[in-house]
Amino acid sequence: MTARRSRHRSAAYATLALGLAGSLALTGCNSHSSKKSKKSSSSSSSSSKSKKRKIIGGGAAAAGAGAASRRVPDCYPSTYKLTFSQQTGPKSHVAVKFKNSTSRDCKLYNAPLLRFNNAKDPLPLSQGTPGHLDGTRITVPAHGYAYAVIPTNTAATKGTEQKSVAVDFMGISASSVTHGPATVNFAEKRLHISVGKSKVTNWSSSIHGAQLAGGVGK
């Protein structure tokens, strides 16, 4: 073999070796790039799922907060929220009016518990007794009213003039009281309220409904 032919063959081998090396390097680069792409895609998918979970979780929390804000609290008695007035005539009665002076709804259960002149026991209920309630519950809207009536259309039920009354609001159960008492002094308010052996109706959303329950409606 001549020197020229040997050099030519060596150059050919070198060219082939460079070509193979370049091909392998390109293959490795493509493989690495593909792995990065898959990782990036997987990471993006995971992040998207995480965001979805957060959004769903946030929505559930918001719904829970909304439900909590919709819970209606019990009404509170106070001297400035309670009004007593005496109606005369054949349908004579004492009207008890409660005003919800707050900016949100509140609940009233059954009837007001009324103790006139510091009596030991409250006035009897015309619809059930403190131990056997009929489960009346009304929602008083913000700045709205509720009414109860004490019939005084006979001599016995009208009785004598009272000086004051202590008012408790009943709770959801027969033995519970929500808040109270609030004492209304009739003399201070220049009110003439006469109540004898009578009973008080349950709360009603209208004075007409309370009057009908007490048998003194028109």
Protein backbone atom coordinates (compact mmCIF):
# COMPACT_ATOMS: atom_id res chain seq x y z
CA MET A 1 0.00 0.00 0.00
CA THR A 2 1.43 3.40 -0.98
CA ALA A 3 1.74 6.28 1.43
CA ARG A 4 -0.80 8.38 -0.57
CA ARG A 5 -3.46 5.66 -0.45
CA SER A 6 -2.91 5.15 3.31
CA ARG A 7 -3.39 8.86 4.00
CA HIS A 8 -6.57 8.91 1.93
CA ARG A 9 -8.05 5.96 3.87
CA SER A 10 -7.12 7.53 7.23
CA ALA A 11 -8.88 10.75 6.22
CA ALA A 12 -12.02 8.81 5.27
CA TYR A 13 -12.08 7.00 8.64
CA ALA A 14 -11.70 10.29 10.47
CA THR A 15 -14.60 11.84 8.55
CA LEU A 16 -16.80 8.84 9.34
CA ALA A 17 -15.93 8.99 13.03
CA LEU A 18 -16.83 12.71 13.20
CA GLY A 19 -20.16 12.03 11.49
CA LEU A 20 -21.05 9.28 13.98
CA ALA A 21 -20.07 11.45 16.95
CA GLY A 22 -22.25 14.30 15.70
CA SER A 23 -25.21 11.99 15.19
CA LEU A 24 -24.89 10.57 18.72
CA ALA A 25 -24.63 14.06 20.23
CA LEU A 26 -27.74 15.19 18.35
CA THR A 27 -29.65 12.11 19.49
CA GLY A 28 -28.68 12.75 23.15
CA CYS A 29 -29.70 16.41 22.88
CA ASN A 30 -33.10 15.52 21.42
CA SER A 31 -33.66 12.91 24.15
CA HIS A 32 -32.76 15.42 26.89
CA SER A 33 -35.04 18.05 25.35
CA SER A 34 -37.92 15.54 25.17
CA LYS A 35 -37.50 14.69 28.87
CA LYS A 36 -37.52 18.38 29.77
CA SER A 37 -40.68 18.87 27.72
CA LYS A 38 -42.41 15.96 29.47
CA LYS A 39 -41.38 17.28 32.90
CA SER A 40 -42.58 20.76 31.98
CA SER A 41 -45.90 19.36 30.74
CA SER A 42 -46.30 17.26 33.89
CA SER A 43 -45.48 20.25 36.11
CA SER A 44 -47.96 22.44 34.25
CA SER A 45 -50.70 19.81 34.59
CA SER A 46 -49.97 19.41 38.32
CA SER A 47 -50.06 23.17 38.81
CA SER A 48 -53.37 23.39 36.96
CA LYS A 49 -54.86 20.64 39.15
CA SER A 50 -53.57 22.38 42.27
CA LYS A 51 -55.16 25.64 41.20
CA LYS A 52 -58.44 23.85 40.52
CA ARG A 53 -58.33 22.28 43.98
CA LYS A 54 -57.68 25.68 45.53
CA ILE A 55 -60.54 27.26 43.62
CA ILE A 56 -62.91 24.45 44.59
CA GLY A 57 -61.78 24.63 48.22
CA GLY A 58 -62.19 28.38 48.26
CA GLY A 59 -65.68 28.05 46.83
CA ALA A 60 -66.68 25.58 49.55
CA ALA A 61 -65.28 27.89 52.23
CA ALA A 62 -67.18 30.82 50.79
CA ALA A 63 -70.38 28.77 50.72
CA GLY A 64 -69.85 27.83 54.38
CA ALA A 65 -69.29 31.46 55.31
CA GLY A 66 -72.45 32.42 53.41
CA ALA A 67 -74.48 29.77 55.27
CA ALA A 68 -73.10 31.01 58.58
CA SER A 69 -74.04 34.59 57.74
CA ARG A 70 -77.59 33.43 56.96
CA ARG A 71 -78.17 31.96 60.43
CA VAL A 72 -80.91 33.96 62.14
CA PRO A 73 -80.17 34.91 65.79
CA ASP A 74 -82.73 35.07 68.61
CA CYS A 75 -84.48 38.36 69.33
CA TYR A 76 -83.54 40.30 72.44
CA PRO A 77 -86.10 41.99 74.71
CA SER A 78 -85.47 45.55 75.89
CA THR A 79 -87.56 48.42 77.20
CA TYR A 80 -87.18 50.45 74.01
CA LYS A 81 -88.18 47.51 71.78
CA LEU A 82 -91.39 46.64 73.66
CA THR A 83 -94.64 48.62 73.57
CA PHE A 84 -97.88 47.93 75.48
CA SER A 85 -101.23 49.50 74.60
CA GLN A 86 -104.77 49.00 75.95
CA GLN A 87 -107.67 48.71 73.53
CA THR A 88 -111.19 49.26 74.92
CA GLY A 89 -114.66 48.17 73.85
CA PRO A 90 -116.28 44.75 73.31
CA LYS A 91 -113.01 43.43 71.87
CA SER A 92 -110.89 44.92 74.65
CA HIS A 93 -107.32 43.65 74.85
CA VAL A 94 -103.76 44.61 75.60
CA ALA A 95 -101.47 44.58 72.57
CA VAL A 96 -97.80 43.71 73.03
CA LYS A 97 -95.60 44.98 70.21
CA PHE A 98 -91.96 44.09 69.70
CA LYS A 99 -89.74 46.02 67.31
CA ASN A 100 -86.61 44.49 65.81
CA SER A 101 -84.45 47.61 65.84
CA THR A 102 -81.42 45.82 64.39
CA SER A 103 -80.32 45.64 60.76
CA ARG A 104 -80.75 41.85 60.50
CA ASP A 105 -83.58 39.34 61.00
CA CYS A 106 -84.17 37.68 64.36
CA LYS A 107 -86.33 34.79 65.69
CA LEU A 108 -89.11 34.69 68.28
CA TYR A 109 -90.44 31.46 69.81
CA ASN A 110 -93.94 30.77 71.10
CA ALA A 111 -95.15 33.63 73.34
CA PRO A 112 -93.68 36.37 75.54
CA LEU A 113 -93.41 35.48 79.24
CA LEU A 114 -95.07 38.34 81.13
CA ARG A 115 -94.84 38.87 84.90
CA PHE A 116 -97.02 41.79 85.95
CA ASN A 117 -96.21 43.61 89.21
CA ASN A 118 -93.29 41.24 89.98
CA ALA A 119 -95.55 38.17 89.97
CA LYS A 120 -93.83 34.86 90.69
CA ASP A 121 -95.41 33.10 87.69
CA PRO A 122 -95.83 34.48 84.18
CA LEU A 123 -99.20 35.07 82.59
CA PRO A 124 -100.59 31.75 81.26
CA LEU A 125 -100.32 31.04 77.54
CA SER A 126 -103.47 30.82 75.43
CA GLN A 127 -101.76 28.40 73.02
CA GLY A 128 -100.14 25.70 75.11
CA THR A 129 -98.30 26.01 78.43
CA PRO A 130 -94.62 26.63 79.21
CA GLY A 131 -94.16 22.85 79.50
CA HIS A 132 -96.23 21.94 76.43
CA LEU A 133 -95.55 24.35 73.59
CA ASP A 134 -96.94 24.25 70.07
CA GLY A 135 -93.59 25.13 68.47
CA THR A 136 -94.51 28.52 67.03
CA ARG A 137 -91.50 30.34 65.59
CA ILE A 138 -91.53 33.51 63.56
CA THR A 139 -88.78 35.50 61.90
CA VAL A 140 -88.96 39.22 62.51
CA PRO A 141 -87.35 41.12 59.63
CA ALA A 142 -84.84 43.90 60.23
CA HIS A 143 -86.72 46.94 61.58
CA GLY A 144 -89.92 44.87 61.50
CA TYR A 145 -92.52 44.04 64.17
CA ALA A 146 -94.15 41.14 66.00
CA TYR A 147 -97.33 41.15 68.09
CA ALA A 148 -99.02 39.27 70.92
CA VAL A 149 -102.41 39.96 72.52
CA ILE A 150 -103.87 39.66 76.03
CA PRO A 151 -107.71 39.53 75.89
CA THR A 152 -109.35 41.80 78.53
CA ASN A 153 -112.95 41.77 77.30
CA THR A 154 -114.50 40.54 80.57
CA ALA A 155 -114.32 41.89 84.11
CA ALA A 156 -112.21 38.96 85.27
CA THR A 157 -109.70 39.22 82.41
CA LYS A 158 -109.45 43.00 82.67
CA GLY A 159 -108.79 42.92 86.41
CA THR A 160 -106.88 45.86 87.84
CA GLU A 161 -104.38 48.39 86.61
CA GLN A 162 -100.79 47.17 86.60
CA LYS A 163 -97.67 49.15 87.55
CA SER A 164 -95.03 47.26 85.58
CA VAL A 165 -94.25 44.09 83.65
CA ALA A 166 -91.09 41.98 83.33
CA VAL A 167 -90.73 40.39 79.89
CA ASP A 168 -88.71 37.29 78.99
CA PHE A 169 -88.46 35.80 75.52
CA MET A 170 -88.91 32.05 75.31
CA GLY A 171 -86.33 29.83 73.65
CA ILE A 172 -86.66 26.93 71.24
CA SER A 173 -87.32 24.40 74.03
CA ALA A 174 -90.08 24.43 76.64
CA SER A 175 -87.74 25.21 79.53
CA SER A 176 -85.41 27.70 77.86
CA VAL A 177 -85.45 31.46 77.89
CA THR A 178 -83.37 33.34 75.34
CA HIS A 179 -82.75 36.67 77.04
CA GLY A 180 -84.35 38.89 79.63
CA PRO A 181 -86.08 40.06 81.55
CA ALA A 182 -86.71 43.58 80.32
CA THR A 183 -88.91 45.56 82.72
CA VAL A 184 -91.39 48.12 81.42
CA ASN A 185 -92.58 50.67 83.99
CA PHE A 186 -96.09 51.73 83.03
CA ALA A 187 -96.17 54.68 85.43
CA GLU A 188 -93.00 56.16 83.95
CA LYS A 189 -94.45 55.81 80.46
CA ARG A 190 -97.85 57.14 81.62
CA LEU A 191 -99.59 54.00 80.45
CA HIS A 192 -102.81 52.61 81.94
CA ILE A 193 -102.66 48.85 81.46
CA SER A 194 -105.24 46.64 83.18
CA VAL A 195 -104.81 42.86 83.14
CA GLY A 196 -106.54 40.25 85.31
CA LYS A 197 -107.05 36.50 84.92
CA SER A 198 -106.21 36.40 81.25
CA LYS A 199 -103.80 34.66 78.89
CA VAL A 200 -101.33 35.84 76.26
CA THR A 201 -101.27 34.63 72.66
CA ASN A 202 -98.24 33.45 70.74
CA TRP A 203 -96.25 35.92 68.70
CA SER A 204 -97.69 36.82 65.33
CA SER A 205 -96.30 38.73 62.37
CA SER A 206 -99.39 40.98 62.33
CA ILE A 207 -101.60 42.57 64.96
CA HIS A 208 -104.63 41.20 63.14
CA GLY A 209 -103.28 37.64 63.42
CA ALA A 210 -102.62 38.10 67.15
CA GLN A 211 -106.12 39.51 67.69
CA LEU A 212 -107.73 36.55 65.91
CA ALA A 213 -105.66 34.13 68.03
CA GLY A 214 -106.90 35.89 71.16
CA GLY A 215 -110.53 35.85 70.06
CA VAL A 216 -110.73 39.63 69.88
CA GLY A 217 -110.26 40.10 66.16
CA LYS A 218 -112.75 41.73 63.84
